[in-house]
Amino acid sequence: MLATVFSSFDESGFVLAKMTKNYPAVSEEYQKAIEKCKRKLRGLIAEKNCAPIMVRLAWHSAGTFDCASRTGGPFGTMRFDDELAHGANNGLHIALRLLEPIREQFPTISHADFHQLAGVVAVEVTGGPEIPFHPGREDKPQPPPEGRLPDATKGCDHLRQVFLKQMGLTDQDIVALSGAHTLGRCHKDRSGFEGAWTSNPLIFDNSYFKELLSGEKEGLLQLPSDKALLDDPVFRPLVEKYAADEEAFFADYAEAHLKLSELGYYFESLNLSRCKLNSIMIF
């Protein structure tokens, strides 16, 4: 293996370098199919009020990614009965059933792109931020093992184990992504919990954080993993920030959702400016 080590600095002593995401190229025809599919999804999600389950589908597809083994992730494996049968995915067959008429119209679009696009559109339709979408994901041939998704009954150590160590995300991503609980509700037959997090579960806003800070209320839900955010010295200031500033929440959520939807998808290259080759090491 040949590795090149760069160690050039500008006048201030800093290396001038940055990482660039590299996505697979898709054809113009494929991109047009994505745009048309997006319009169809907007209509479906608005008509059926099914945004929450579409976000859940996209999340649960992507959140299985494991950095160490480079397995799992947003690659269309929710199409397999084995993954749908995972306990954390109870009820997601409903999302696939709702999507099937649109899916049949776009057979060239991968399941991987289709499921992630549905999540992006669901956030936008309900008033949330616009999330960039880069098509080109390929479908993987087998699902990941069960047990990689976060457990709502556990606390901050568990959240960091799953989001930071397993997926490679950040503390900020954890809190921002938690804010999507502003959409939807829990069903006892699916998760063991019952109720909505906010009084308007079909509107994407910062109500989740406001309700979390105001304490438990009759008729609204707070999971153990939600309440744990208030007990952590890093998480709580972010909860307070997002409760006070919806624009800040939207900006950070869009970034976190993008990262989640692209786990294991793109590769990064190092761009160097005003750097010179200093040494070559051969291993």
C-alpha atoms as a PDB file:
ATOM      1  CA  MET A   1       0.000   0.000   0.000  1.00  0.00           C
ATOM      2  CA  LEU A   2       1.271   3.450  -0.905  1.00  0.00           C
ATOM      3  CA  ALA A   3       0.359   6.254   1.482  1.00  0.00           C
ATOM      4  CA  THR A   4       1.209   9.891   0.913  1.00  0.00           C
ATOM      5  CA  VAL A   5       1.655  12.170   3.912  1.00  0.00           C
ATOM      6  CA  PHE A   6       1.172  15.914   3.434  1.00  0.00           C
ATOM      7  CA  SER A   7       2.503  18.378   5.976  1.00  0.00           C
ATOM      8  CA  SER A   8       2.398  21.827   4.393  1.00  0.00           C
ATOM      9  CA  PHE A   9       1.213  24.932   6.213  1.00  0.00           C
ATOM     10  CA  ASP A  10       0.175  28.461   5.306  1.00  0.00           C
ATOM     11  CA  GLU A  11       1.662  31.609   6.834  1.00  0.00           C
ATOM     12  CA  SER A  12      -0.341  31.012  10.007  1.00  0.00           C
ATOM     13  CA  GLY A  13       0.882  27.471  10.366  1.00  0.00           C
ATOM     14  CA  PHE A  14      -2.323  25.727   9.280  1.00  0.00           C
ATOM     15  CA  VAL A  15      -2.672  22.888   6.785  1.00  0.00           C
ATOM     16  CA  LEU A  16      -4.923  24.017   3.950  1.00  0.00           C
ATOM     17  CA  ALA A  17      -7.052  20.945   3.342  1.00  0.00           C
ATOM     18  CA  LYS A  18     -10.652  19.810   3.401  1.00  0.00           C
ATOM     19  CA  MET A  19     -12.584  16.612   2.857  1.00  0.00           C
ATOM     20  CA  THR A  20     -14.958  16.422  -0.095  1.00  0.00           C
ATOM     21  CA  LYS A  21     -17.895  14.046  -0.458  1.00  0.00           C
ATOM     22  CA  ASN A  22     -17.909  11.998  -3.631  1.00  0.00           C
ATOM     23  CA  TYR A  23     -21.232  10.563  -4.815  1.00  0.00           C
ATOM     24  CA  PRO A  24     -21.801   8.037  -7.593  1.00  0.00           C
ATOM     25  CA  ALA A  25     -22.862   9.528 -10.909  1.00  0.00           C
ATOM     26  CA  VAL A  26     -26.440   8.916 -12.036  1.00  0.00           C
ATOM     27  CA  SER A  27     -27.904   9.384 -15.485  1.00  0.00           C
ATOM     28  CA  GLU A  28     -30.039  12.359 -16.458  1.00  0.00           C
ATOM     29  CA  GLU A  29     -32.932   9.935 -16.929  1.00  0.00           C
ATOM     30  CA  TYR A  30     -32.514   8.617 -13.377  1.00  0.00           C
ATOM     31  CA  GLN A  31     -32.395  12.151 -11.948  1.00  0.00           C
ATOM     32  CA  LYS A  32     -35.606  13.036 -13.801  1.00  0.00           C
ATOM     33  CA  ALA A  33     -37.262   9.918 -12.377  1.00  0.00           C
ATOM     34  CA  ILE A  34     -36.230  11.031  -8.878  1.00  0.00           C
ATOM     35  CA  GLU A  35     -37.787  14.467  -9.376  1.00  0.00           C
ATOM     36  CA  LYS A  36     -41.018  13.006 -10.722  1.00  0.00           C
ATOM     37  CA  CYS A  37     -41.131  10.471  -7.894  1.00  0.00           C
ATOM     38  CA  LYS A  38     -40.631  13.277  -5.386  1.00  0.00           C
ATOM     39  CA  ARG A  39     -43.729  15.041  -6.709  1.00  0.00           C
ATOM     40  CA  LYS A  40     -45.757  11.845  -6.412  1.00  0.00           C
ATOM     41  CA  LEU A  41     -44.548  11.317  -2.857  1.00  0.00           C
ATOM     42  CA  ARG A  42     -45.569  14.847  -1.886  1.00  0.00           C
ATOM     43  CA  GLY A  43     -49.113  14.134  -3.015  1.00  0.00           C
ATOM     44  CA  LEU A  44     -49.323  10.769  -1.266  1.00  0.00           C
ATOM     45  CA  ILE A  45     -47.915  11.993   2.038  1.00  0.00           C
ATOM     46  CA  ALA A  46     -50.150  15.070   2.094  1.00  0.00           C
ATOM     47  CA  GLU A  47     -53.257  13.057   1.210  1.00  0.00           C
ATOM     48  CA  LYS A  48     -52.677  10.137   3.586  1.00  0.00           C
ATOM     49  CA  ASN A  49     -51.136  12.136   6.476  1.00  0.00           C
ATOM     50  CA  CYS A  50     -48.458   9.460   6.599  1.00  0.00           C
ATOM     51  CA  ALA A  51     -45.353  11.633   7.074  1.00  0.00           C
ATOM     52  CA  PRO A  52     -44.435  10.188  10.497  1.00  0.00           C
ATOM     53  CA  ILE A  53     -44.232   6.597   9.317  1.00  0.00           C
ATOM     54  CA  MET A  54     -42.219   7.637   6.241  1.00  0.00           C
ATOM     55  CA  VAL A  55     -39.655   9.364   8.449  1.00  0.00           C
ATOM     56  CA  ARG A  56     -39.564   6.252  10.633  1.00  0.00           C
ATOM     57  CA  LEU A  57     -39.024   4.034   7.583  1.00  0.00           C
ATOM     58  CA  ALA A  58     -36.108   6.157   6.379  1.00  0.00           C
ATOM     59  CA  TRP A  59     -34.565   6.372   9.846  1.00  0.00           C
ATOM     60  CA  HIS A  60     -34.851   2.690  10.658  1.00  0.00           C
ATOM     61  CA  SER A  61     -33.380   1.803   7.278  1.00  0.00           C
ATOM     62  CA  ALA A  62     -30.367   4.079   7.759  1.00  0.00           C
ATOM     63  CA  GLY A  63     -29.843   3.678  11.506  1.00  0.00           C
ATOM     64  CA  THR A  64     -28.583   0.111  11.210  1.00  0.00           C
ATOM     65  CA  PHE A  65     -25.247   1.292   9.794  1.00  0.00           C
ATOM     66  CA  ASP A  66     -22.191   0.016  11.624  1.00  0.00           C
ATOM     67  CA  CYS A  67     -18.904   1.866  11.089  1.00  0.00           C
ATOM     68  CA  ALA A  68     -16.702  -1.032  12.131  1.00  0.00           C
ATOM     69  CA  SER A  69     -18.097  -3.627   9.739  1.00  0.00           C
ATOM     70  CA  ARG A  70     -19.400  -1.205   7.075  1.00  0.00           C
ATOM     71  CA  THR A  71     -22.682  -3.134   7.056  1.00  0.00           C
ATOM     72  CA  GLY A  72     -26.282  -2.020   7.355  1.00  0.00           C
ATOM     73  CA  GLY A  73     -27.377   1.478   6.475  1.00  0.00           C
ATOM     74  CA  PRO A  74     -29.704   3.152   3.961  1.00  0.00           C
ATOM     75  CA  PHE A  75     -29.523   0.541   1.245  1.00  0.00           C
ATOM     76  CA  GLY A  76     -33.061  -0.696   0.699  1.00  0.00           C
ATOM     77  CA  THR A  77     -32.972  -3.794   2.890  1.00  0.00           C
ATOM     78  CA  MET A  78     -36.306  -2.948   4.521  1.00  0.00           C
ATOM     79  CA  ARG A  79     -37.788  -4.633   1.458  1.00  0.00           C
ATOM     80  CA  PHE A  80     -36.897  -7.961   3.062  1.00  0.00           C
ATOM     81  CA  ASP A  81     -39.360  -9.662   5.405  1.00  0.00           C
ATOM     82  CA  ASP A  82     -36.493 -10.574   7.734  1.00  0.00           C
ATOM     83  CA  GLU A  83     -35.767  -6.916   8.493  1.00  0.00           C
ATOM     84  CA  LEU A  84     -39.434  -5.954   8.702  1.00  0.00           C
ATOM     85  CA  ALA A  85     -39.769  -8.672  11.345  1.00  0.00           C
ATOM     86  CA  HIS A  86     -37.266  -6.950  13.666  1.00  0.00           C
ATOM     87  CA  GLY A  87     -39.053  -5.823  16.814  1.00  0.00           C
ATOM     88  CA  ALA A  88     -38.105  -2.162  16.311  1.00  0.00           C
ATOM     89  CA  ASN A  89     -39.741  -2.212  12.870  1.00  0.00           C
ATOM     90  CA  ASN A  90     -43.238  -3.226  13.957  1.00  0.00           C
ATOM     91  CA  GLY A  91     -45.763  -1.494  11.734  1.00  0.00           C
ATOM     92  CA  LEU A  92     -43.380  -0.451   8.967  1.00  0.00           C
ATOM     93  CA  HIS A  93     -45.093  -2.837   6.558  1.00  0.00           C
ATOM     94  CA  ILE A  94     -47.821  -0.171   6.482  1.00  0.00           C
ATOM     95  CA  ALA A  95     -45.350   2.345   5.037  1.00  0.00           C
ATOM     96  CA  LEU A  96     -44.284  -0.080   2.318  1.00  0.00           C
ATOM     97  CA  ARG A  97     -47.902  -0.847   1.486  1.00  0.00           C
ATOM     98  CA  LEU A  98     -48.708   2.857   1.119  1.00  0.00           C
ATOM     99  CA  LEU A  99     -45.643   3.390  -1.059  1.00  0.00           C
ATOM    100  CA  GLU A 100     -46.163   0.408  -3.345  1.00  0.00           C
ATOM    101  CA  PRO A 101     -48.370   2.141  -5.982  1.00  0.00           C
ATOM    102  CA  ILE A 102     -45.699   4.817  -6.451  1.00  0.00           C
ATOM    103  CA  ARG A 103     -42.896   2.273  -6.271  1.00  0.00           C
ATOM    104  CA  GLU A 104     -44.456   0.402  -9.197  1.00  0.00           C
ATOM    105  CA  GLN A 105     -44.318   3.559 -11.327  1.00  0.00           C
ATOM    106  CA  PHE A 106     -40.555   3.950 -10.851  1.00  0.00           C
ATOM    107  CA  PRO A 107     -38.968   0.495 -11.161  1.00  0.00           C
ATOM    108  CA  THR A 108     -35.580   1.962 -12.113  1.00  0.00           C
ATOM    109  CA  ILE A 109     -35.204   3.795  -8.782  1.00  0.00           C
ATOM    110  CA  SER A 110     -33.457   1.685  -6.164  1.00  0.00           C
ATOM    111  CA  HIS A 111     -35.373   0.777  -3.015  1.00  0.00           C
ATOM    112  CA  ALA A 112     -32.542   2.484  -1.132  1.00  0.00           C
ATOM    113  CA  ASP A 113     -33.084   5.838  -2.837  1.00  0.00           C
ATOM    114  CA  PHE A 114     -36.866   5.445  -2.727  1.00  0.00           C
ATOM    115  CA  HIS A 115     -37.060   4.884   1.030  1.00  0.00           C
ATOM    116  CA  GLN A 116     -34.701   7.755   1.844  1.00  0.00           C
ATOM    117  CA  LEU A 117     -36.483  10.083  -0.574  1.00  0.00           C
ATOM    118  CA  ALA A 118     -39.773   9.332   1.191  1.00  0.00           C
ATOM    119  CA  GLY A 119     -38.237  10.456   4.487  1.00  0.00           C
ATOM    120  CA  VAL A 120     -36.879  13.678   3.014  1.00  0.00           C
ATOM    121  CA  VAL A 121     -40.218  14.538   1.410  1.00  0.00           C
ATOM    122  CA  ALA A 122     -42.116  13.743   4.622  1.00  0.00           C
ATOM    123  CA  VAL A 123     -40.104  16.323   6.564  1.00  0.00           C
ATOM    124  CA  GLU A 124     -40.641  18.974   3.891  1.00  0.00           C
ATOM    125  CA  VAL A 125     -44.393  18.322   3.465  1.00  0.00           C
ATOM    126  CA  THR A 126     -44.998  18.828   7.189  1.00  0.00           C
ATOM    127  CA  GLY A 127     -43.236  22.189   7.274  1.00  0.00           C
ATOM    128  CA  GLY A 128     -39.726  21.081   8.141  1.00  0.00           C
ATOM    129  CA  PRO A 129     -36.436  22.047   6.510  1.00  0.00           C
ATOM    130  CA  GLU A 130     -35.439  21.163   2.984  1.00  0.00           C
ATOM    131  CA  ILE A 131     -32.925  18.327   3.102  1.00  0.00           C
ATOM    132  CA  PRO A 132     -30.479  17.798   0.208  1.00  0.00           C
ATOM    133  CA  PHE A 133     -30.893  14.493  -1.596  1.00  0.00           C
ATOM    134  CA  HIS A 134     -28.166  12.803  -3.615  1.00  0.00           C
ATOM    135  CA  PRO A 135     -29.432   9.769  -5.561  1.00  0.00           C
ATOM    136  CA  GLY A 136     -27.343   6.759  -6.458  1.00  0.00           C
ATOM    137  CA  ARG A 137     -27.627   4.345  -3.528  1.00  0.00           C
ATOM    138  CA  GLU A 138     -27.501   0.703  -4.529  1.00  0.00           C
ATOM    139  CA  ASP A 139     -29.680  -1.953  -2.940  1.00  0.00           C
ATOM    140  CA  LYS A 140     -27.835  -4.397  -0.707  1.00  0.00           C
ATOM    141  CA  PRO A 141     -28.651  -8.104  -1.033  1.00  0.00           C
ATOM    142  CA  GLN A 142     -29.263  -8.915   2.628  1.00  0.00           C
ATOM    143  CA  PRO A 143     -30.504  -7.139   5.766  1.00  0.00           C
ATOM    144  CA  PRO A 144     -28.387  -6.313   8.822  1.00  0.00           C
ATOM    145  CA  PRO A 145     -28.731  -8.256  12.072  1.00  0.00           C
ATOM    146  CA  GLU A 146     -31.363  -7.195  14.574  1.00  0.00           C
ATOM    147  CA  GLY A 147     -30.478  -5.003  17.545  1.00  0.00           C
ATOM    148  CA  ARG A 148     -28.672  -2.015  16.007  1.00  0.00           C
ATOM    149  CA  LEU A 149     -31.395   0.624  16.431  1.00  0.00           C
ATOM    150  CA  PRO A 150     -31.659   2.775  19.578  1.00  0.00           C
ATOM    151  CA  ASP A 151     -33.743   1.506  22.503  1.00  0.00           C
ATOM    152  CA  ALA A 152     -36.261   4.076  23.769  1.00  0.00           C
ATOM    153  CA  THR A 153     -36.106   2.676  27.301  1.00  0.00           C
ATOM    154  CA  LYS A 154     -32.424   3.520  27.748  1.00  0.00           C
ATOM    155  CA  GLY A 155     -30.402   6.647  28.499  1.00  0.00           C
ATOM    156  CA  CYS A 156     -27.549   8.775  27.221  1.00  0.00           C
ATOM    157  CA  ASP A 157     -24.793   6.163  27.374  1.00  0.00           C
ATOM    158  CA  HIS A 158     -26.846   3.929  25.122  1.00  0.00           C
ATOM    159  CA  LEU A 159     -27.632   6.792  22.733  1.00  0.00           C
ATOM    160  CA  ARG A 160     -23.942   7.570  22.371  1.00  0.00           C
ATOM    161  CA  GLN A 161     -23.103   3.908  21.895  1.00  0.00           C
ATOM    162  CA  VAL A 162     -25.535   3.671  18.984  1.00  0.00           C
ATOM    163  CA  PHE A 163     -25.233   7.091  17.349  1.00  0.00           C
ATOM    164  CA  LEU A 164     -21.577   7.943  18.000  1.00  0.00           C
ATOM    165  CA  LYS A 165     -19.727   4.635  18.192  1.00  0.00           C
ATOM    166  CA  GLN A 166     -21.873   2.541  15.869  1.00  0.00           C
ATOM    167  CA  MET A 167     -23.067   5.082  13.301  1.00  0.00           C
ATOM    168  CA  GLY A 168     -20.329   7.706  13.568  1.00  0.00           C
ATOM    169  CA  LEU A 169     -22.615  10.684  14.272  1.00  0.00           C
ATOM    170  CA  THR A 170     -22.227  13.416  16.922  1.00  0.00           C
ATOM    171  CA  ASP A 171     -23.829  14.617  20.155  1.00  0.00           C
ATOM    172  CA  GLN A 172     -25.458  17.452  18.228  1.00  0.00           C
ATOM    173  CA  ASP A 173     -26.866  14.972  15.723  1.00  0.00           C
ATOM    174  CA  ILE A 174     -28.422  12.937  18.541  1.00  0.00           C
ATOM    175  CA  VAL A 175     -30.362  15.906  19.904  1.00  0.00           C
ATOM    176  CA  ALA A 176     -31.310  17.321  16.508  1.00  0.00           C
ATOM    177  CA  LEU A 177     -32.561  13.954  15.263  1.00  0.00           C
ATOM    178  CA  SER A 178     -34.526  13.460  18.483  1.00  0.00           C
ATOM    179  CA  GLY A 179     -36.466  16.553  17.465  1.00  0.00           C
ATOM    180  CA  ALA A 180     -38.193  14.599  14.703  1.00  0.00           C
ATOM    181  CA  HIS A 181     -40.331  13.134  17.482  1.00  0.00           C
ATOM    182  CA  THR A 182     -42.333  16.294  16.911  1.00  0.00           C
ATOM    183  CA  LEU A 183     -43.969  14.142  14.213  1.00  0.00           C
ATOM    184  CA  GLY A 184     -46.178  11.159  14.899  1.00  0.00           C
ATOM    185  CA  ARG A 185     -47.053   9.092  17.906  1.00  0.00           C
ATOM    186  CA  CYS A 186     -46.175   5.783  19.545  1.00  0.00           C
ATOM    187  CA  HIS A 187     -48.530   2.814  19.387  1.00  0.00           C
ATOM    188  CA  LYS A 188     -48.548   0.340  22.236  1.00  0.00           C
ATOM    189  CA  ASP A 189     -48.804  -2.671  19.940  1.00  0.00           C
ATOM    190  CA  ARG A 190     -45.649  -1.581  18.082  1.00  0.00           C
ATOM    191  CA  SER A 191     -43.326  -0.069  20.680  1.00  0.00           C
ATOM    192  CA  GLY A 192     -44.928  -0.671  24.056  1.00  0.00           C
ATOM    193  CA  PHE A 193     -45.584   3.073  24.421  1.00  0.00           C
ATOM    194  CA  GLU A 194     -48.697   5.064  23.591  1.00  0.00           C
ATOM    195  CA  GLY A 195     -49.216   8.700  22.673  1.00  0.00           C
ATOM    196  CA  ALA A 196     -47.903  11.677  20.700  1.00  0.00           C
ATOM    197  CA  TRP A 197     -45.007  13.892  21.757  1.00  0.00           C
ATOM    198  CA  THR A 198     -46.735  17.125  20.756  1.00  0.00           C
ATOM    199  CA  SER A 199     -50.247  18.481  20.303  1.00  0.00           C
ATOM    200  CA  ASN A 200     -49.734  18.800  16.519  1.00  0.00           C
ATOM    201  CA  PRO A 201     -48.106  15.506  15.474  1.00  0.00           C
ATOM    202  CA  LEU A 202     -48.398  16.249  11.749  1.00  0.00           C
ATOM    203  CA  ILE A 203     -46.435  19.514  11.943  1.00  0.00           C
ATOM    204  CA  PHE A 204     -42.637  19.546  11.878  1.00  0.00           C
ATOM    205  CA  ASP A 205     -41.485  22.297  14.250  1.00  0.00           C
ATOM    206  CA  ASN A 206     -39.563  22.692  17.513  1.00  0.00           C
ATOM    207  CA  SER A 207     -42.518  21.780  19.756  1.00  0.00           C
ATOM    208  CA  TYR A 208     -40.803  18.571  20.876  1.00  0.00           C
ATOM    209  CA  PHE A 209     -38.103  20.554  22.675  1.00  0.00           C
ATOM    210  CA  LYS A 210     -40.567  23.000  24.212  1.00  0.00           C
ATOM    211  CA  GLU A 211     -42.696  20.160  25.562  1.00  0.00           C
ATOM    212  CA  LEU A 212     -39.632  18.347  26.858  1.00  0.00           C
ATOM    213  CA  LEU A 213     -38.542  21.372  28.876  1.00  0.00           C
ATOM    214  CA  SER A 214     -42.040  22.059  30.206  1.00  0.00           C
ATOM    215  CA  GLY A 215     -42.296  18.636  31.830  1.00  0.00           C
ATOM    216  CA  GLU A 216     -44.714  15.755  31.483  1.00  0.00           C
ATOM    217  CA  LYS A 217     -48.318  16.530  30.561  1.00  0.00           C
ATOM    218  CA  GLU A 218     -51.409  14.382  30.497  1.00  0.00           C
ATOM    219  CA  GLY A 219     -52.006  13.055  27.007  1.00  0.00           C
ATOM    220  CA  LEU A 220     -48.468  13.690  25.728  1.00  0.00           C
ATOM    221  CA  LEU A 221     -45.591  11.232  25.649  1.00  0.00           C
ATOM    222  CA  GLN A 222     -42.010  11.517  26.853  1.00  0.00           C
ATOM    223  CA  LEU A 223     -39.886   8.410  26.395  1.00  0.00           C
ATOM    224  CA  PRO A 224     -37.072   7.548  28.805  1.00  0.00           C
ATOM    225  CA  SER A 225     -34.617   8.337  25.989  1.00  0.00           C
ATOM    226  CA  ASP A 226     -36.261  11.759  25.569  1.00  0.00           C
ATOM    227  CA  LYS A 227     -36.108  12.677  29.248  1.00  0.00           C
ATOM    228  CA  ALA A 228     -32.499  11.505  29.427  1.00  0.00           C
ATOM    229  CA  LEU A 229     -31.504  14.422  27.180  1.00  0.00           C
ATOM    230  CA  LEU A 230     -32.278  16.825  30.029  1.00  0.00           C
ATOM    231  CA  ASP A 231     -29.910  15.088  32.438  1.00  0.00           C
ATOM    232  CA  ASP A 232     -26.831  15.300  30.218  1.00  0.00           C
ATOM    233  CA  PRO A 233     -24.563  18.382  30.406  1.00  0.00           C
ATOM    234  CA  VAL A 234     -23.955  18.336  26.644  1.00  0.00           C
ATOM    235  CA  PHE A 235     -27.440  17.409  25.459  1.00  0.00           C
ATOM    236  CA  ARG A 236     -29.483  19.771  27.647  1.00  0.00           C
ATOM    237  CA  PRO A 237     -28.013  23.041  26.292  1.00  0.00           C
ATOM    238  CA  LEU A 238     -28.877  21.839  22.791  1.00  0.00           C
ATOM    239  CA  VAL A 239     -32.445  21.064  23.862  1.00  0.00           C
ATOM    240  CA  GLU A 240     -32.705  24.591  25.285  1.00  0.00           C
ATOM    241  CA  LYS A 241     -31.174  26.100  22.144  1.00  0.00           C
ATOM    242  CA  TYR A 242     -33.625  24.346  19.830  1.00  0.00           C
ATOM    243  CA  ALA A 243     -36.619  25.170  22.040  1.00  0.00           C
ATOM    244  CA  ALA A 244     -35.718  28.856  21.811  1.00  0.00           C
ATOM    245  CA  ASP A 245     -34.619  28.984  18.164  1.00  0.00           C
ATOM    246  CA  GLU A 246     -36.529  26.976  15.569  1.00  0.00           C
ATOM    247  CA  GLU A 247     -34.281  28.137  12.732  1.00  0.00           C
ATOM    248  CA  ALA A 248     -31.227  26.771  14.542  1.00  0.00           C
ATOM    249  CA  PHE A 249     -33.034  23.471  15.038  1.00  0.00           C
ATOM    250  CA  PHE A 250     -34.039  23.283  11.378  1.00  0.00           C
ATOM    251  CA  ALA A 251     -30.471  23.961  10.227  1.00  0.00           C
ATOM    252  CA  ASP A 252     -28.959  21.337  12.512  1.00  0.00           C
ATOM    253  CA  TYR A 253     -31.725  18.837  11.815  1.00  0.00           C
ATOM    254  CA  ALA A 254     -31.267  19.110   8.051  1.00  0.00           C
ATOM    255  CA  GLU A 255     -27.543  18.464   8.475  1.00  0.00           C
ATOM    256  CA  ALA A 256     -28.108  15.511  10.804  1.00  0.00           C
ATOM    257  CA  HIS A 257     -30.826  13.947   8.645  1.00  0.00           C
ATOM    258  CA  LEU A 258     -28.587  14.249   5.590  1.00  0.00           C
ATOM    259  CA  LYS A 259     -25.745  12.517   7.429  1.00  0.00           C
ATOM    260  CA  LEU A 260     -28.043   9.749   8.651  1.00  0.00           C
ATOM    261  CA  SER A 261     -29.471   9.173   5.173  1.00  0.00           C
ATOM    262  CA  GLU A 262     -25.981   8.862   3.679  1.00  0.00           C
ATOM    263  CA  LEU A 263     -24.238   6.633   6.215  1.00  0.00           C
ATOM    264  CA  GLY A 264     -21.883   4.358   4.303  1.00  0.00           C
ATOM    265  CA  TYR A 265     -23.027   5.829   0.989  1.00  0.00           C
ATOM    266  CA  TYR A 266     -20.426   8.310  -0.262  1.00  0.00           C
ATOM    267  CA  PHE A 267     -16.649   8.269   0.053  1.00  0.00           C
ATOM    268  CA  GLU A 268     -14.519  11.246   0.995  1.00  0.00           C
ATOM    269  CA  SER A 269     -11.462  12.626  -0.748  1.00  0.00           C
ATOM    270  CA  LEU A 270      -8.925  15.071   0.624  1.00  0.00           C
ATOM    271  CA  ASN A 271      -8.654  18.378  -1.213  1.00  0.00           C
ATOM    272  CA  LEU A 272      -5.416  20.248  -0.580  1.00  0.00           C
ATOM    273  CA  SER A 273      -4.798  23.914  -1.331  1.00  0.00           C
ATOM    274  CA  ARG A 274      -1.309  25.495  -1.363  1.00  0.00           C
ATOM    275  CA  CYS A 275       0.132  22.231   0.001  1.00  0.00           C
ATOM    276  CA  LYS A 276       3.258  20.518  -1.246  1.00  0.00           C
ATOM    277  CA  LEU A 277       4.272  16.906  -1.030  1.00  0.00           C
ATOM    278  CA  ASN A 278       6.600  16.562   1.927  1.00  0.00           C
ATOM    279  CA  SER A 279       7.244  12.858   2.169  1.00  0.00           C
ATOM    280  CA  ILE A 280       6.172   9.490   0.873  1.00  0.00           C
ATOM    281  CA  MET A 281       5.898   6.488   3.145  1.00  0.00           C
ATOM    282  CA  ILE A 282       5.524   2.947   1.876  1.00  0.00           C
ATOM    283  CA  PHE A 283       3.927   0.321   4.140  1.00  0.00           C
END
